[in-house]
PDB file of N, CA and C in Angstrom:
ATOM      1  N   MET A   1     -49.925 214.078  -6.025  1.00  0.00           N
ATOM      2  CA  MET A   1     -50.354 214.745  -6.487  1.00  0.00           C
ATOM      3  C   MET A   1     -49.780 216.232  -5.316  1.00  0.00           C
ATOM      4  N   LYS A   2     -50.553 217.340  -5.688  1.00  0.00           N
ATOM      5  CA  LYS A   2     -49.443 218.301  -5.806  1.00  0.00           C
ATOM      6  C   LYS A   2     -50.465 219.309  -4.812  1.00  0.00           C
ATOM      7  N   TRP A   3     -49.666 220.316  -4.582  1.00  0.00           N
ATOM      8  CA  TRP A   3     -50.755 221.384  -3.838  1.00  0.00           C
ATOM      9  C   TRP A   3     -52.164 222.120  -4.342  1.00  0.00           C
ATOM     10  N   THR A   4     -52.259 221.527  -5.315  1.00  0.00           N
ATOM     11  CA  THR A   4     -53.202 222.787  -6.725  1.00  0.00           C
ATOM     12  C   THR A   4     -54.263 221.299  -7.143  1.00  0.00           C
ATOM     13  N   GLU A   5     -54.056 220.813  -6.507  1.00  0.00           N
ATOM     14  CA  GLU A   5     -54.980 219.548  -6.850  1.00  0.00           C
ATOM     15  C   GLU A   5     -55.781 219.544  -4.451  1.00  0.00           C
ATOM     16  N   VAL A   6     -56.857 220.965  -5.200  1.00  0.00           N
ATOM     17  CA  VAL A   6     -57.074 221.153  -4.094  1.00  0.00           C
ATOM     18  C   VAL A   6     -58.346 220.158  -3.743  1.00  0.00           C
ATOM     19  N   VAL A   7     -59.493 220.141  -4.675  1.00  0.00           N
ATOM     20  CA  VAL A   7     -60.523 219.138  -4.680  1.00  0.00           C
ATOM     21  C   VAL A   7     -59.811 217.051  -4.694  1.00  0.00           C
ATOM     22  N   ARG A   8     -58.477 216.816  -4.592  1.00  0.00           N
ATOM     23  CA  ARG A   8     -59.096 215.720  -4.912  1.00  0.00           C
ATOM     24  C   ARG A   8     -58.223 215.563  -3.099  1.00  0.00           C
ATOM     25  N   ILE A   9     -57.634 216.048  -2.797  1.00  0.00           N
ATOM     26  CA  ILE A   9     -56.653 216.317  -1.954  1.00  0.00           C
ATOM     27  C   ILE A   9     -57.726 216.457   0.041  1.00  0.00           C
ATOM     28  N   ALA A  10     -59.362 217.282  -0.986  1.00  0.00           N
ATOM     29  CA  ALA A  10     -59.695 217.555  -0.411  1.00  0.00           C
ATOM     30  C   ALA A  10     -60.726 216.090   0.766  1.00  0.00           C
ATOM     31  N   GLU A  11     -60.888 215.476  -0.632  1.00  0.00           N
ATOM     32  CA  GLU A  11     -61.323 213.663  -0.707  1.00  0.00           C
ATOM     33  C   GLU A  11     -60.686 212.630  -0.076  1.00  0.00           C
ATOM     34  N   GLU A  12     -58.962 212.939  -0.357  1.00  0.00           N
ATOM     35  CA  GLU A  12     -58.329 211.914   0.386  1.00  0.00           C
ATOM     36  C   GLU A  12     -58.510 212.853   2.044  1.00  0.00           C
ATOM     37  N   LEU A  13     -58.555 213.363   2.595  1.00  0.00           N
ATOM     38  CA  LEU A  13     -58.595 214.033   3.339  1.00  0.00           C
ATOM     39  C   LEU A  13     -59.483 212.736   3.368  1.00  0.00           C
ATOM     40  N   ALA A  14     -60.920 213.927   3.672  1.00  0.00           N
ATOM     41  CA  ALA A  14     -62.121 213.835   3.778  1.00  0.00           C
ATOM     42  C   ALA A  14     -62.077 211.196   4.381  1.00  0.00           C
ATOM     43  N   ASP A  15     -61.673 210.628   3.025  1.00  0.00           N
ATOM     44  CA  ASP A  15     -61.514 209.597   3.254  1.00  0.00           C
ATOM     45  C   ASP A  15     -60.818 208.878   4.533  1.00  0.00           C
ATOM     46  N   ALA A  16     -59.818 209.408   4.449  1.00  0.00           N
ATOM     47  CA  ALA A  16     -58.821 209.328   5.965  1.00  0.00           C
ATOM     48  C   ALA A  16     -59.192 209.839   7.573  1.00  0.00           C
ATOM     49  N   HIS A  17     -59.746 210.710   7.286  1.00  0.00           N
ATOM     50  CA  HIS A  17     -60.257 211.968   8.572  1.00  0.00           C
ATOM     51  C   HIS A  17     -61.753 211.958   8.819  1.00  0.00           C
ATOM     52  N   PRO A  18     -62.910 210.675   8.620  1.00  0.00           N
ATOM     53  CA  PRO A  18     -64.398 210.214   8.964  1.00  0.00           C
ATOM     54  C   PRO A  18     -64.464 212.117  10.030  1.00  0.00           C
ATOM     55  N   ASP A  19     -63.973 211.343  10.785  1.00  0.00           N
ATOM     56  CA  ASP A  19     -64.275 211.305  11.645  1.00  0.00           C
ATOM     57  C   ASP A  19     -63.827 213.129  12.043  1.00  0.00           C
ATOM     58  N   VAL A  20     -63.232 213.622  11.323  1.00  0.00           N
ATOM     59  CA  VAL A  20     -62.988 214.882  11.557  1.00  0.00           C
ATOM     60  C   VAL A  20     -63.636 215.881  10.998  1.00  0.00           C
ATOM     61  N   ASP A  21     -64.056 217.001  12.068  1.00  0.00           N
ATOM     62  CA  ASP A  21     -64.852 217.718  11.674  1.00  0.00           C
ATOM     63  C   ASP A  21     -63.312 218.877  10.840  1.00  0.00           C
ATOM     64  N   PRO A  22     -63.670 219.211   9.339  1.00  0.00           N
ATOM     65  CA  PRO A  22     -62.690 220.449   8.775  1.00  0.00           C
ATOM     66  C   PRO A  22     -62.713 221.442   9.404  1.00  0.00           C
ATOM     67  N   GLU A  23     -63.580 222.493  10.002  1.00  0.00           N
ATOM     68  CA  GLU A  23     -64.258 223.896  10.511  1.00  0.00           C
ATOM     69  C   GLU A  23     -63.303 223.692  11.646  1.00  0.00           C
ATOM     70  N   GLN A  24     -62.962 222.579  11.898  1.00  0.00           N
ATOM     71  CA  GLN A  24     -61.904 222.389  13.742  1.00  0.00           C
ATOM     72  C   GLN A  24     -62.115 222.628  13.372  1.00  0.00           C
ATOM     73  N   ILE A  25     -60.194 221.868  12.183  1.00  0.00           N
ATOM     74  CA  ILE A  25     -59.102 221.593  12.413  1.00  0.00           C
ATOM     75  C   ILE A  25     -57.766 223.298  11.753  1.00  0.00           C
ATOM     76  N   ASN A  26     -56.620 222.854  12.261  1.00  0.00           N
ATOM     77  CA  ASN A  26     -55.886 223.947  12.250  1.00  0.00           C
ATOM     78  C   ASN A  26     -54.701 223.773  11.428  1.00  0.00           C
ATOM     79  N   PHE A  27     -54.284 225.267  10.403  1.00  0.00           N
ATOM     80  CA  PHE A  27     -54.102 224.829   9.208  1.00  0.00           C
ATOM     81  C   PHE A  27     -51.792 224.336  10.121  1.00  0.00           C
ATOM     82  N   VAL A  28     -51.801 224.456  11.188  1.00  0.00           N
ATOM     83  CA  VAL A  28     -50.246 223.690  10.762  1.00  0.00           C
ATOM     84  C   VAL A  28     -50.457 221.917  11.011  1.00  0.00           C
ATOM     85  N   ASP A  29     -52.185 221.592  12.024  1.00  0.00           N
ATOM     86  CA  ASP A  29     -52.317 220.142  11.091  1.00  0.00           C
ATOM     87  C   ASP A  29     -52.660 219.611  10.024  1.00  0.00           C
ATOM     88  N   LEU A  30     -54.119 220.434   9.481  1.00  0.00           N
ATOM     89  CA  LEU A  30     -54.030 220.077   8.092  1.00  0.00           C
ATOM     90  C   LEU A  30     -52.882 219.936   7.070  1.00  0.00           C
ATOM     91  N   MET A  31     -52.377 221.114   7.208  1.00  0.00           N
ATOM     92  CA  MET A  31     -50.558 221.340   6.067  1.00  0.00           C
ATOM     93  C   MET A  31     -49.906 219.302   6.994  1.00  0.00           C
ATOM     94  N   LYS A  32     -50.063 219.038   8.404  1.00  0.00           N
ATOM     95  CA  LYS A  32     -49.387 217.666   8.346  1.00  0.00           C
ATOM     96  C   LYS A  32     -49.898 216.436   7.306  1.00  0.00           C
ATOM     97  N   TRP A  33     -51.252 217.075   8.182  1.00  0.00           N
ATOM     98  CA  TRP A  33     -52.118 215.666   7.557  1.00  0.00           C
ATOM     99  C   TRP A  33     -51.921 216.007   5.747  1.00  0.00           C
ATOM    100  N   VAL A  34     -52.090 216.852   4.906  1.00  0.00           N
ATOM    101  CA  VAL A  34     -52.122 216.405   3.847  1.00  0.00           C
ATOM    102  C   VAL A  34     -50.376 216.534   3.469  1.00  0.00           C
ATOM    103  N   LEU A  35     -49.469 216.554   3.558  1.00  0.00           N
ATOM    104  CA  LEU A  35     -47.827 215.800   3.208  1.00  0.00           C
ATOM    105  C   LEU A  35     -47.720 214.299   4.190  1.00  0.00           C
ATOM    106  N   ALA A  36     -48.889 213.972   4.624  1.00  0.00           N
ATOM    107  CA  ALA A  36     -48.680 212.874   5.057  1.00  0.00           C
ATOM    108  C   ALA A  36     -50.007 211.919   3.843  1.00  0.00           C
ATOM    109  N   LEU A  37     -49.906 212.619   3.187  1.00  0.00           N
ATOM    110  CA  LEU A  37     -51.408 211.461   2.505  1.00  0.00           C
ATOM    111  C   LEU A  37     -50.546 210.407   1.118  1.00  0.00           C
ATOM    112  N   PRO A  38     -51.059 209.330   1.415  1.00  0.00           N
ATOM    113  CA  PRO A  38     -50.161 208.390   0.243  1.00  0.00           C
ATOM    114  C   PRO A  38     -50.569 208.794  -1.419  1.00  0.00           C
ATOM    115  N   GLY A  39     -49.670 209.553  -2.181  1.00  0.00           N
ATOM    116  CA  GLY A  39     -49.195 209.949  -3.383  1.00  0.00           C
ATOM    117  C   GLY A  39     -49.037 211.757  -2.811  1.00  0.00           C
ATOM    118  N   PHE A  40     -48.784 212.362  -2.056  1.00  0.00           N
ATOM    119  CA  PHE A  40     -49.392 213.383  -1.849  1.00  0.00           C
ATOM    120  C   PHE A  40     -47.086 213.362  -2.221  1.00  0.00           C
ATOM    121  N   ASP A  41     -46.810 214.822  -2.772  1.00  0.00           N
ATOM    122  CA  ASP A  41     -45.478 214.792  -3.582  1.00  0.00           C
ATOM    123  C   ASP A  41     -45.708 215.740  -4.433  1.00  0.00           C
ATOM    124  N   ASP A  42     -45.060 216.894  -2.851  1.00  0.00           N
ATOM    125  CA  ASP A  42     -44.949 218.057  -3.763  1.00  0.00           C
ATOM    126  C   ASP A  42     -43.889 219.300  -2.104  1.00  0.00           C
ATOM    127  N   LYS A  43     -43.088 220.191  -2.377  1.00  0.00           N
ATOM    128  CA  LYS A  43     -42.867 220.937  -1.175  1.00  0.00           C
ATOM    129  C   LYS A  43     -43.820 221.111  -0.372  1.00  0.00           C
ATOM    130  N   PRO A  44     -43.073 221.394   0.708  1.00  0.00           N
ATOM    131  CA  PRO A  44     -44.361 221.881   2.123  1.00  0.00           C
ATOM    132  C   PRO A  44     -44.154 223.659   2.132  1.00  0.00           C
ATOM    133  N   GLU A  45     -43.439 224.074   1.162  1.00  0.00           N
ATOM    134  CA  GLU A  45     -42.911 225.450   1.056  1.00  0.00           C
ATOM    135  C   GLU A  45     -43.716 225.920   0.015  1.00  0.00           C
ATOM    136  N   HIS A  46     -43.916 225.307  -1.231  1.00  0.00           N
ATOM    137  CA  HIS A  46     -44.647 225.129  -2.057  1.00  0.00           C
ATOM    138  C   HIS A  46     -46.574 225.804  -2.056  1.00  0.00           C
ATOM    139  N   CYS A  47     -46.601 225.673  -0.385  1.00  0.00           N
ATOM    140  CA  CYS A  47     -48.205 226.015   0.610  1.00  0.00           C
ATOM    141  C   CYS A  47     -47.892 226.441   0.889  1.00  0.00           C
ATOM    142  N   GLY A  48     -49.155 227.575   1.064  1.00  0.00           N
ATOM    143  CA  GLY A  48     -49.338 228.693   1.766  1.00  0.00           C
ATOM    144  C   GLY A  48     -50.761 229.054   2.262  1.00  0.00           C
ATOM    145  N   GLU A  49     -50.806 230.081   3.063  1.00  0.00           N
ATOM    146  CA  GLU A  49     -52.534 229.954   3.853  1.00  0.00           C
ATOM    147  C   GLU A  49     -53.950 230.251   3.288  1.00  0.00           C
ATOM    148  N   ARG A  50     -53.411 230.965   1.331  1.00  0.00           N
ATOM    149  CA  ARG A  50     -55.255 230.640   0.373  1.00  0.00           C
ATOM    150  C   ARG A  50     -54.637 229.305   0.319  1.00  0.00           C
ATOM    151  N   ILE A  51     -53.755 228.055   0.244  1.00  0.00           N
ATOM    152  CA  ILE A  51     -53.922 226.783  -0.684  1.00  0.00           C
ATOM    153  C   ILE A  51     -54.961 226.122   0.673  1.00  0.00           C
ATOM    154  N   LEU A  52     -54.409 226.309   1.705  1.00  0.00           N
ATOM    155  CA  LEU A  52     -54.418 225.805   2.822  1.00  0.00           C
ATOM    156  C   LEU A  52     -56.116 225.678   3.517  1.00  0.00           C
ATOM    157  N   GLU A  53     -56.064 227.737   3.104  1.00  0.00           N
ATOM    158  CA  GLU A  53     -58.336 227.839   2.865  1.00  0.00           C
ATOM    159  C   GLU A  53     -59.108 226.472   2.060  1.00  0.00           C
ATOM    160  N   ALA A  54     -57.917 226.593   1.454  1.00  0.00           N
ATOM    161  CA  ALA A  54     -58.820 225.929  -0.117  1.00  0.00           C
ATOM    162  C   ALA A  54     -58.921 225.409  -0.168  1.00  0.00           C
ATOM    163  N   ILE A  55     -57.921 223.678   0.522  1.00  0.00           N
ATOM    164  CA  ILE A  55     -58.180 223.447   1.153  1.00  0.00           C
ATOM    165  C   ILE A  55     -60.019 222.621   1.919  1.00  0.00           C
ATOM    166  N   GLN A  56     -59.519 223.250   2.718  1.00  0.00           N
ATOM    167  CA  GLN A  56     -60.695 223.225   3.925  1.00  0.00           C
ATOM    168  C   GLN A  56     -61.388 223.332   3.394  1.00  0.00           C
ATOM    169  N   ALA A  57     -62.360 224.859   2.426  1.00  0.00           N
ATOM    170  CA  ALA A  57     -63.250 225.240   2.019  1.00  0.00           C
ATOM    171  C   ALA A  57     -63.918 223.249   1.741  1.00  0.00           C
ATOM    172  N   ALA A  58     -62.871 223.563   0.580  1.00  0.00           N
ATOM    173  CA  ALA A  58     -63.393 221.575  -0.460  1.00  0.00           C
ATOM    174  C   ALA A  58     -64.032 220.247   0.975  1.00  0.00           C
ATOM    175  N   TRP A  59     -62.753 220.405   1.522  1.00  0.00           N
ATOM    176  CA  TRP A  59     -62.806 219.045   2.501  1.00  0.00           C
ATOM    177  C   TRP A  59     -64.514 219.636   3.737  1.00  0.00           C
ATOM    178  N   ILE A  60     -64.487 220.910   3.123  1.00  0.00           N
ATOM    179  CA  ILE A  60     -66.411 221.181   4.174  1.00  0.00           C
ATOM    180  C   ILE A  60     -67.125 220.648   3.079  1.00  0.00           C
ATOM    181  N   GLU A  61     -66.919 221.166   2.055  1.00  0.00           N
ATOM    182  CA  GLU A  61     -67.656 221.074   0.906  1.00  0.00           C
ATOM    183  C   GLU A  61     -67.893 219.261   0.403  1.00  0.00           C
ATOM    184  N   GLU A  62     -66.785 219.026   0.546  1.00  0.00           N
ATOM    185  CA  GLU A  62     -67.138 217.623   0.345  1.00  0.00           C
ATOM    186  C   GLU A  62     -67.530 216.772   1.643  1.00  0.00           C
ATOM    187  N   ARG A  63     -67.374 216.990   2.555  1.00  0.00           N
ATOM    188  CA  ARG A  63     -68.120 216.814   3.985  1.00  0.00           C
ATOM    189  C   ARG A  63     -69.878 216.943   4.047  1.00  0.00           C
ATOM    190  N   ASP A  64     -70.470 217.872   3.175  1.00  0.00           N
ATOM    191  CA  ASP A  64     -71.716 218.129   3.304  1.00  0.00           C
ATOM    192  C   ASP A  64     -72.235 217.816   1.772  1.00  0.00           C
TER     193      ASP A  64
END
C-alpha cells in the first residue's frame, strides 16, 4: 500500500482505530498510524500535508 491509496488507507485506519474520531486526530499521529498499518510500504518523505488531509477526509467519509 502506498500514500496514493488514500481510500484504502482510510478504510484500514477505520478498522484499526474504530473508537477514534478522525476529525480530532493530528497529522503527526495520523502519519505514524499510516506507517504502522500492515501492508503499508512507502517512504515517510513521500507524504505531505495534502495527502494527510485527503486521508483524513476519506476516513471521515468512511466513518459516516
